[in-house]
């Protein structure tokens, strides 16, 4: 399979990747909650082992490929699809926040404050003005 994928054009490779993802989704949909958790654990362990074996150059290459793939996918979205994704993300965040304890909420607020402070410290005055507008 890897040899075939290497020979395929980028569009064909993307199509094959999507087919594999769809097949996996269908298979996972039939899982019981216990099977799903077991599968997630196995995938996490495999991914961690694979990442641990990568060289720094391979890590950079994987990040670049993932970033390019993500950019291409986002560029192909319509305004409706973008808004739908944003809405789903908002709903997910609301559900996640609802599960936080008061202590965890405080920690998240502190982390957000630190991120903002760090961002402001590295932003030029012109960039800051553009962000305000």
N, C-alpha and C. Protein backbone atom coordinates (compact mmCIF):
# COMPACT_ATOMS: atom_id res chain seq x y z
N UNK A 1 0.83 -1.20 0.00
CA UNK A 1 0.00 0.00 0.00
C UNK A 1 0.87 1.25 0.00
N UNK A 2 1.96 1.24 0.78
CA UNK A 2 2.83 2.41 0.85
C UNK A 2 3.49 2.67 -0.50
N UNK A 3 3.86 1.60 -1.20
CA UNK A 3 4.49 1.76 -2.52
C UNK A 3 3.50 2.37 -3.51
N UNK A 4 2.25 1.91 -3.45
CA UNK A 4 1.23 2.47 -4.34
C UNK A 4 1.01 3.94 -4.05
N UNK A 5 0.95 4.27 -2.76
CA UNK A 5 0.71 5.65 -2.36
C UNK A 5 1.85 6.56 -2.83
N UNK A 6 3.08 6.04 -2.78
CA UNK A 6 4.23 6.83 -3.21
C UNK A 6 4.18 7.12 -4.70
N UNK A 7 3.61 6.20 -5.47
CA UNK A 7 3.53 6.38 -6.92
C UNK A 7 2.37 7.28 -7.33
N UNK A 8 1.38 7.34 -6.52
CA UNK A 8 0.16 8.08 -6.86
C UNK A 8 0.42 9.58 -6.88
N UNK A 9 -0.38 10.27 -7.66
CA UNK A 9 -0.30 11.73 -7.67
C UNK A 9 -0.85 12.25 -6.35
N UNK A 10 -0.64 13.51 -6.08
CA UNK A 10 -1.11 14.05 -4.80
C UNK A 10 -2.63 13.98 -4.69
N UNK A 11 -3.34 14.21 -5.79
CA UNK A 11 -4.80 14.12 -5.74
C UNK A 11 -5.24 12.69 -5.48
N UNK A 12 -4.58 11.75 -6.14
CA UNK A 12 -4.92 10.35 -5.95
C UNK A 12 -4.59 9.91 -4.52
N UNK A 13 -3.47 10.37 -4.01
CA UNK A 13 -3.09 10.03 -2.63
C UNK A 13 -4.13 10.58 -1.66
N UNK A 14 -4.58 11.79 -1.90
CA UNK A 14 -5.60 12.40 -1.04
C UNK A 14 -6.91 11.61 -1.12
N UNK A 15 -7.28 11.18 -2.33
CA UNK A 15 -8.49 10.39 -2.53
C UNK A 15 -8.38 9.06 -1.78
N UNK A 16 -7.24 8.41 -1.89
CA UNK A 16 -7.03 7.14 -1.20
C UNK A 16 -7.09 7.34 0.32
N UNK A 17 -6.49 8.43 0.79
CA UNK A 17 -6.50 8.72 2.22
C UNK A 17 -7.93 8.92 2.71
N UNK A 18 -8.73 9.62 1.92
CA UNK A 18 -10.13 9.86 2.30
C UNK A 18 -10.92 8.55 2.33
N UNK A 19 -10.67 7.66 1.36
CA UNK A 19 -11.35 6.37 1.35
C UNK A 19 -11.01 5.55 2.59
N UNK A 20 -9.74 5.54 2.96
CA UNK A 20 -9.32 4.82 4.16
C UNK A 20 -10.00 5.41 5.39
N UNK A 21 -10.06 6.75 5.46
CA UNK A 21 -10.71 7.40 6.60
C UNK A 21 -12.19 7.04 6.67
N UNK A 22 -12.86 7.00 5.51
CA UNK A 22 -14.29 6.66 5.49
C UNK A 22 -14.51 5.22 5.94
N UNK A 23 -13.67 4.30 5.46
CA UNK A 23 -13.79 2.90 5.87
C UNK A 23 -13.58 2.78 7.38
N UNK A 24 -12.60 3.49 7.89
CA UNK A 24 -12.33 3.45 9.33
C UNK A 24 -13.52 4.00 10.12
N UNK A 25 -14.11 5.07 9.61
CA UNK A 25 -15.25 5.68 10.30
C UNK A 25 -16.43 4.71 10.35
N UNK A 26 -16.67 4.01 9.25
CA UNK A 26 -17.77 3.03 9.22
C UNK A 26 -17.49 1.92 10.23
N UNK A 27 -16.25 1.45 10.27
CA UNK A 27 -15.87 0.38 11.19
C UNK A 27 -16.02 0.85 12.64
N UNK A 28 -15.55 2.08 12.92
CA UNK A 28 -15.63 2.60 14.29
C UNK A 28 -17.07 2.85 14.74
N UNK A 29 -17.95 3.17 13.79
CA UNK A 29 -19.35 3.45 14.14
C UNK A 29 -20.03 2.22 14.75
N UNK A 30 -19.52 1.04 14.42
CA UNK A 30 -20.12 -0.19 14.93
C UNK A 30 -19.55 -0.60 16.29
N UNK A 31 -18.57 0.13 16.81
CA UNK A 31 -17.93 -0.21 18.08
C UNK A 31 -18.84 0.05 19.27
N UNK A 32 -18.68 -0.77 20.30
CA UNK A 32 -19.29 -0.47 21.59
C UNK A 32 -18.40 0.58 22.26
N UNK A 33 -18.89 1.26 23.29
CA UNK A 33 -18.04 2.25 23.97
C UNK A 33 -16.71 1.67 24.47
N UNK A 34 -16.75 0.42 24.95
CA UNK A 34 -15.52 -0.22 25.44
C UNK A 34 -14.54 -0.45 24.30
N UNK A 35 -15.06 -0.94 23.16
CA UNK A 35 -14.20 -1.17 22.00
C UNK A 35 -13.62 0.15 21.50
N UNK A 36 -14.43 1.19 21.50
CA UNK A 36 -13.97 2.49 21.03
C UNK A 36 -12.84 3.01 21.91
N UNK A 37 -12.98 2.87 23.22
CA UNK A 37 -11.93 3.33 24.13
C UNK A 37 -10.66 2.51 23.94
N UNK A 38 -10.81 1.21 23.79
CA UNK A 38 -9.65 0.34 23.56
C UNK A 38 -8.94 0.72 22.26
N UNK A 39 -9.72 1.00 21.23
CA UNK A 39 -9.15 1.40 19.93
C UNK A 39 -8.40 2.73 20.07
N UNK A 40 -8.99 3.70 20.77
CA UNK A 40 -8.33 5.00 20.96
C UNK A 40 -7.00 4.83 21.70
N UNK A 41 -7.00 3.96 22.71
CA UNK A 41 -5.77 3.70 23.47
C UNK A 41 -4.70 3.11 22.58
N UNK A 42 -5.07 2.13 21.76
CA UNK A 42 -4.11 1.51 20.85
C UNK A 42 -3.55 2.52 19.85
N UNK A 43 -4.43 3.35 19.31
CA UNK A 43 -3.99 4.35 18.34
C UNK A 43 -3.04 5.34 18.99
N UNK A 44 -3.36 5.79 20.21
CA UNK A 44 -2.47 6.72 20.92
C UNK A 44 -1.09 6.10 21.15
N UNK A 45 -1.08 4.83 21.57
CA UNK A 45 0.20 4.15 21.83
C UNK A 45 1.01 4.00 20.55
N UNK A 46 0.34 3.60 19.46
CA UNK A 46 1.05 3.46 18.17
C UNK A 46 1.60 4.79 17.70
N UNK A 47 0.78 5.84 17.82
CA UNK A 47 1.22 7.16 17.38
C UNK A 47 2.41 7.65 18.21
N UNK A 48 2.35 7.43 19.50
CA UNK A 48 3.44 7.87 20.38
C UNK A 48 4.73 7.13 20.03
N UNK A 49 4.64 5.83 19.78
CA UNK A 49 5.82 5.05 19.42
C UNK A 49 6.40 5.52 18.08
N UNK A 50 5.52 5.79 17.12
CA UNK A 50 5.98 6.24 15.81
C UNK A 50 6.64 7.61 15.91
N UNK A 51 6.01 8.53 16.66
CA UNK A 51 6.58 9.88 16.81
C UNK A 51 7.92 9.84 17.54
N UNK A 52 8.04 8.95 18.52
CA UNK A 52 9.30 8.86 19.27
C UNK A 52 10.46 8.42 18.39
N UNK A 53 10.15 7.69 17.32
CA UNK A 53 11.20 7.18 16.43
C UNK A 53 11.59 8.17 15.34
N UNK A 54 10.88 9.29 15.23
CA UNK A 54 11.16 10.25 14.16
C UNK A 54 12.38 11.10 14.47
N UNK A 55 13.10 11.45 13.40
CA UNK A 55 14.22 12.39 13.54
C UNK A 55 13.64 13.81 13.53
N UNK A 56 14.38 14.81 14.00
CA UNK A 56 13.87 16.19 13.96
C UNK A 56 13.48 16.63 12.54
N UNK A 57 14.22 16.18 11.54
CA UNK A 57 13.89 16.54 10.15
C UNK A 57 12.55 15.94 9.74
N UNK A 58 12.32 14.69 10.15
CA UNK A 58 11.05 14.04 9.82
C UNK A 58 9.89 14.73 10.53
N UNK A 59 10.12 15.16 11.76
CA UNK A 59 9.09 15.88 12.51
C UNK A 59 8.73 17.16 11.77
N UNK A 60 9.74 17.92 11.35
CA UNK A 60 9.49 19.16 10.61
C UNK A 60 8.73 18.88 9.32
N UNK A 61 9.12 17.82 8.61
CA UNK A 61 8.47 17.48 7.35
C UNK A 61 7.00 17.12 7.59
N UNK A 62 6.73 16.33 8.64
CA UNK A 62 5.35 15.95 8.95
C UNK A 62 4.51 17.17 9.31
N UNK A 63 5.09 18.09 10.07
CA UNK A 63 4.36 19.32 10.42
C UNK A 63 4.04 20.12 9.17
N UNK A 64 5.01 20.22 8.27
CA UNK A 64 4.80 20.98 7.04
C UNK A 64 3.71 20.35 6.19
N UNK A 65 3.76 19.04 6.04
CA UNK A 65 2.75 18.33 5.26
C UNK A 65 1.36 18.52 5.87
N UNK A 66 1.27 18.39 7.19
CA UNK A 66 -0.02 18.55 7.87
C UNK A 66 -0.54 19.98 7.72
N UNK A 67 0.36 20.95 7.85
CA UNK A 67 -0.03 22.36 7.71
C UNK A 67 -0.52 22.64 6.29
N UNK A 68 0.19 22.10 5.28
CA UNK A 68 -0.22 22.30 3.89
C UNK A 68 -1.56 21.64 3.61
N UNK A 69 -1.75 20.43 4.13
CA UNK A 69 -3.00 19.72 3.92
C UNK A 69 -4.15 20.49 4.55
N UNK A 70 -3.92 20.99 5.75
CA UNK A 70 -4.94 21.75 6.46
C UNK A 70 -5.28 23.04 5.71
N UNK A 71 -4.27 23.72 5.22
CA UNK A 71 -4.48 24.96 4.47
C UNK A 71 -5.29 24.70 3.21
N UNK A 72 -4.94 23.63 2.50
CA UNK A 72 -5.66 23.29 1.27
C UNK A 72 -7.12 22.96 1.57
N UNK A 73 -7.34 22.22 2.66
CA UNK A 73 -8.71 21.85 3.03
C UNK A 73 -9.52 23.10 3.39
N UNK A 74 -8.91 24.00 4.18
CA UNK A 74 -9.62 25.22 4.57
C UNK A 74 -9.90 26.11 3.37
N UNK A 75 -8.97 26.17 2.43
CA UNK A 75 -9.14 27.02 1.25
C UNK A 75 -10.30 26.53 0.39
N UNK A 76 -10.60 25.24 0.46
CA UNK A 76 -11.66 24.68 -0.37
C UNK A 76 -13.04 24.82 0.27
N UNK A 77 -13.12 25.30 1.50
CA UNK A 77 -14.40 25.41 2.19
C UNK A 77 -15.21 26.61 1.69
N UNK A 78 -16.52 26.43 1.68
CA UNK A 78 -17.40 27.55 1.36
C UNK A 78 -17.66 28.33 2.64
N UNK A 79 -18.23 29.52 2.51
CA UNK A 79 -18.54 30.33 3.69
C UNK A 79 -19.50 29.61 4.64
N UNK A 80 -20.46 28.88 4.06
CA UNK A 80 -21.41 28.13 4.89
C UNK A 80 -20.70 27.05 5.69
N UNK A 81 -19.77 26.35 5.03
CA UNK A 81 -19.02 25.28 5.70
C UNK A 81 -18.14 25.85 6.81
N UNK A 82 -17.53 27.00 6.55
CA UNK A 82 -16.70 27.66 7.56
C UNK A 82 -17.54 28.01 8.77
N UNK A 83 -18.70 28.61 8.53
CA UNK A 83 -19.58 29.00 9.64
C UNK A 83 -20.06 27.77 10.41
N UNK A 84 -20.37 26.69 9.68
CA UNK A 84 -20.80 25.46 10.34
C UNK A 84 -19.69 24.91 11.24
N UNK A 85 -18.45 24.93 10.76
CA UNK A 85 -17.33 24.45 11.57
C UNK A 85 -17.13 25.32 12.80
N UNK A 86 -17.27 26.62 12.62
CA UNK A 86 -17.12 27.53 13.77
C UNK A 86 -18.20 27.25 14.81
N UNK A 87 -19.42 27.04 14.34
CA UNK A 87 -20.53 26.75 15.26
C UNK A 87 -20.27 25.45 16.01
N UNK A 88 -19.79 24.43 15.30
CA UNK A 88 -19.48 23.16 15.95
C UNK A 88 -18.37 23.33 16.98
N UNK A 89 -17.38 24.13 16.64
CA UNK A 89 -16.28 24.37 17.58
C UNK A 89 -16.78 25.10 18.82
N UNK A 90 -17.67 26.09 18.61
CA UNK A 90 -18.23 26.81 19.76
C UNK A 90 -19.01 25.87 20.67
N UNK A 91 -19.83 25.00 20.06
CA UNK A 91 -20.62 24.05 20.85
C UNK A 91 -19.72 23.10 21.63
N UNK A 92 -18.64 22.67 20.99
CA UNK A 92 -17.70 21.76 21.64
C UNK A 92 -17.04 22.44 22.85
N UNK A 93 -16.66 23.70 22.67
CA UNK A 93 -16.02 24.45 23.75
C UNK A 93 -17.00 24.67 24.90
N UNK A 94 -18.24 25.00 24.57
CA UNK A 94 -19.26 25.21 25.61
C UNK A 94 -19.45 23.91 26.41
N UNK A 95 -19.53 22.78 25.71
CA UNK A 95 -19.70 21.50 26.41
C UNK A 95 -18.49 21.19 27.28
N UNK A 96 -17.30 21.48 26.77
CA UNK A 96 -16.07 21.23 27.53
C UNK A 96 -16.03 22.12 28.77
N UNK A 97 -16.35 23.40 28.60
CA UNK A 97 -16.32 24.33 29.74
C UNK A 97 -17.32 23.93 30.82
N UNK A 98 -18.44 23.38 30.39
CA UNK A 98 -19.47 22.97 31.35
C UNK A 98 -18.97 21.84 32.25
N UNK A 99 -17.98 21.09 31.80
CA UNK A 99 -17.48 19.97 32.60
C UNK A 99 -16.36 20.38 33.55
N UNK A 100 -15.88 21.62 33.44
CA UNK A 100 -14.76 22.06 34.27
C UNK A 100 -15.19 22.35 35.70
N UNK A 101 -14.30 22.04 36.62
CA UNK A 101 -14.52 22.40 38.02
C UNK A 101 -14.14 23.88 38.18
N UNK A 102 -14.56 24.53 39.27
CA UNK A 102 -14.17 25.93 39.47
C UNK A 102 -12.65 26.13 39.45
N UNK A 103 -11.92 25.17 40.00
CA UNK A 103 -10.46 25.27 40.02
C UNK A 103 -9.89 25.19 38.59
N UNK A 104 -10.44 24.27 37.79
CA UNK A 104 -10.00 24.14 36.40
C UNK A 104 -10.36 25.38 35.59
N UNK A 105 -11.53 25.96 35.88
CA UNK A 105 -11.94 27.19 35.20
C UNK A 105 -10.95 28.31 35.49
N UNK A 106 -10.56 28.42 36.75
CA UNK A 106 -9.58 29.44 37.15
C UNK A 106 -8.25 29.22 36.43
N UNK A 107 -7.83 27.97 36.34
CA UNK A 107 -6.58 27.64 35.65
C UNK A 107 -6.66 28.03 34.18
N UNK A 108 -7.78 27.73 33.53
CA UNK A 108 -7.94 28.08 32.11
C UNK A 108 -7.92 29.59 31.91
N UNK A 109 -8.54 30.33 32.82
CA UNK A 109 -8.52 31.79 32.72
C UNK A 109 -7.10 32.32 32.88
N UNK A 110 -6.35 31.74 33.80
CA UNK A 110 -4.95 32.14 34.00
C UNK A 110 -4.12 31.86 32.75
N UNK A 111 -4.30 30.68 32.18
CA UNK A 111 -3.57 30.32 30.96
C UNK A 111 -3.92 31.27 29.81
N UNK A 112 -5.20 31.60 29.67
CA UNK A 112 -5.63 32.52 28.61
C UNK A 112 -5.00 33.89 28.80
N UNK A 113 -4.95 34.35 30.05
CA UNK A 113 -4.34 35.64 30.35
C UNK A 113 -2.86 35.63 29.97
N UNK A 114 -2.17 34.55 30.31
CA UNK A 114 -0.74 34.44 29.98
C UNK A 114 -0.53 34.42 28.47
N UNK A 115 -1.39 33.69 27.74
CA UNK A 115 -1.26 33.65 26.27
C UNK A 115 -1.45 35.04 25.69
N UNK A 116 -2.45 35.76 26.19
CA UNK A 116 -2.72 37.11 25.71
C UNK A 116 -1.55 38.03 26.01
N UNK A 117 -1.04 37.95 27.22
CA UNK A 117 0.09 38.79 27.61
C UNK A 117 1.31 38.51 26.72
N UNK A 118 1.56 37.25 26.48
CA UNK A 118 2.70 36.85 25.64
C UNK A 118 2.51 37.35 24.21
N UNK A 119 1.30 37.23 23.71
CA UNK A 119 1.00 37.67 22.34
C UNK A 119 1.18 39.19 22.22
N UNK A 120 0.69 39.91 23.20
CA UNK A 120 0.80 41.38 23.17
C UNK A 120 2.26 41.82 23.24
N UNK A 121 3.06 41.09 23.99
CA UNK A 121 4.47 41.45 24.15
C UNK A 121 5.25 41.29 22.85
N UNK A 122 4.79 40.39 21.98
CA UNK A 122 5.52 40.14 20.73
C UNK A 122 4.86 40.80 19.52
N UNK A 123 3.77 41.53 19.73
CA UNK A 123 3.05 42.18 18.64
C UNK A 123 3.56 43.60 18.46
N UNK A 124 3.80 43.96 17.19
CA UNK A 124 4.25 45.33 16.91
C UNK A 124 3.07 46.28 17.06
N UNK A 125 3.33 47.58 17.24
CA UNK A 125 2.23 48.55 17.37
C UNK A 125 1.30 48.54 16.15
N UNK A 126 1.86 48.38 14.95
CA UNK A 126 1.03 48.35 13.74
C UNK A 126 0.11 47.13 13.74
N UNK A 127 0.66 45.97 14.12
CA UNK A 127 -0.15 44.75 14.17
C UNK A 127 -1.24 44.89 15.23
N UNK A 128 -0.91 45.48 16.35
CA UNK A 128 -1.89 45.67 17.42
C UNK A 128 -3.04 46.54 16.93
N UNK A 129 -2.72 47.60 16.20
CA UNK A 129 -3.75 48.49 15.67
C UNK A 129 -4.64 47.75 14.68
N UNK A 130 -4.05 46.93 13.82
CA UNK A 130 -4.83 46.15 12.84
C UNK A 130 -5.78 45.19 13.54
N UNK A 131 -5.33 44.59 14.63
CA UNK A 131 -6.16 43.64 15.36
C UNK A 131 -7.33 44.33 16.06
N UNK A 132 -7.15 45.57 16.45
CA UNK A 132 -8.23 46.30 17.12
C UNK A 132 -9.34 46.66 16.15
N UNK A 133 -9.01 46.88 14.90
CA UNK A 133 -9.98 47.33 13.90
C UNK A 133 -10.89 46.24 13.47
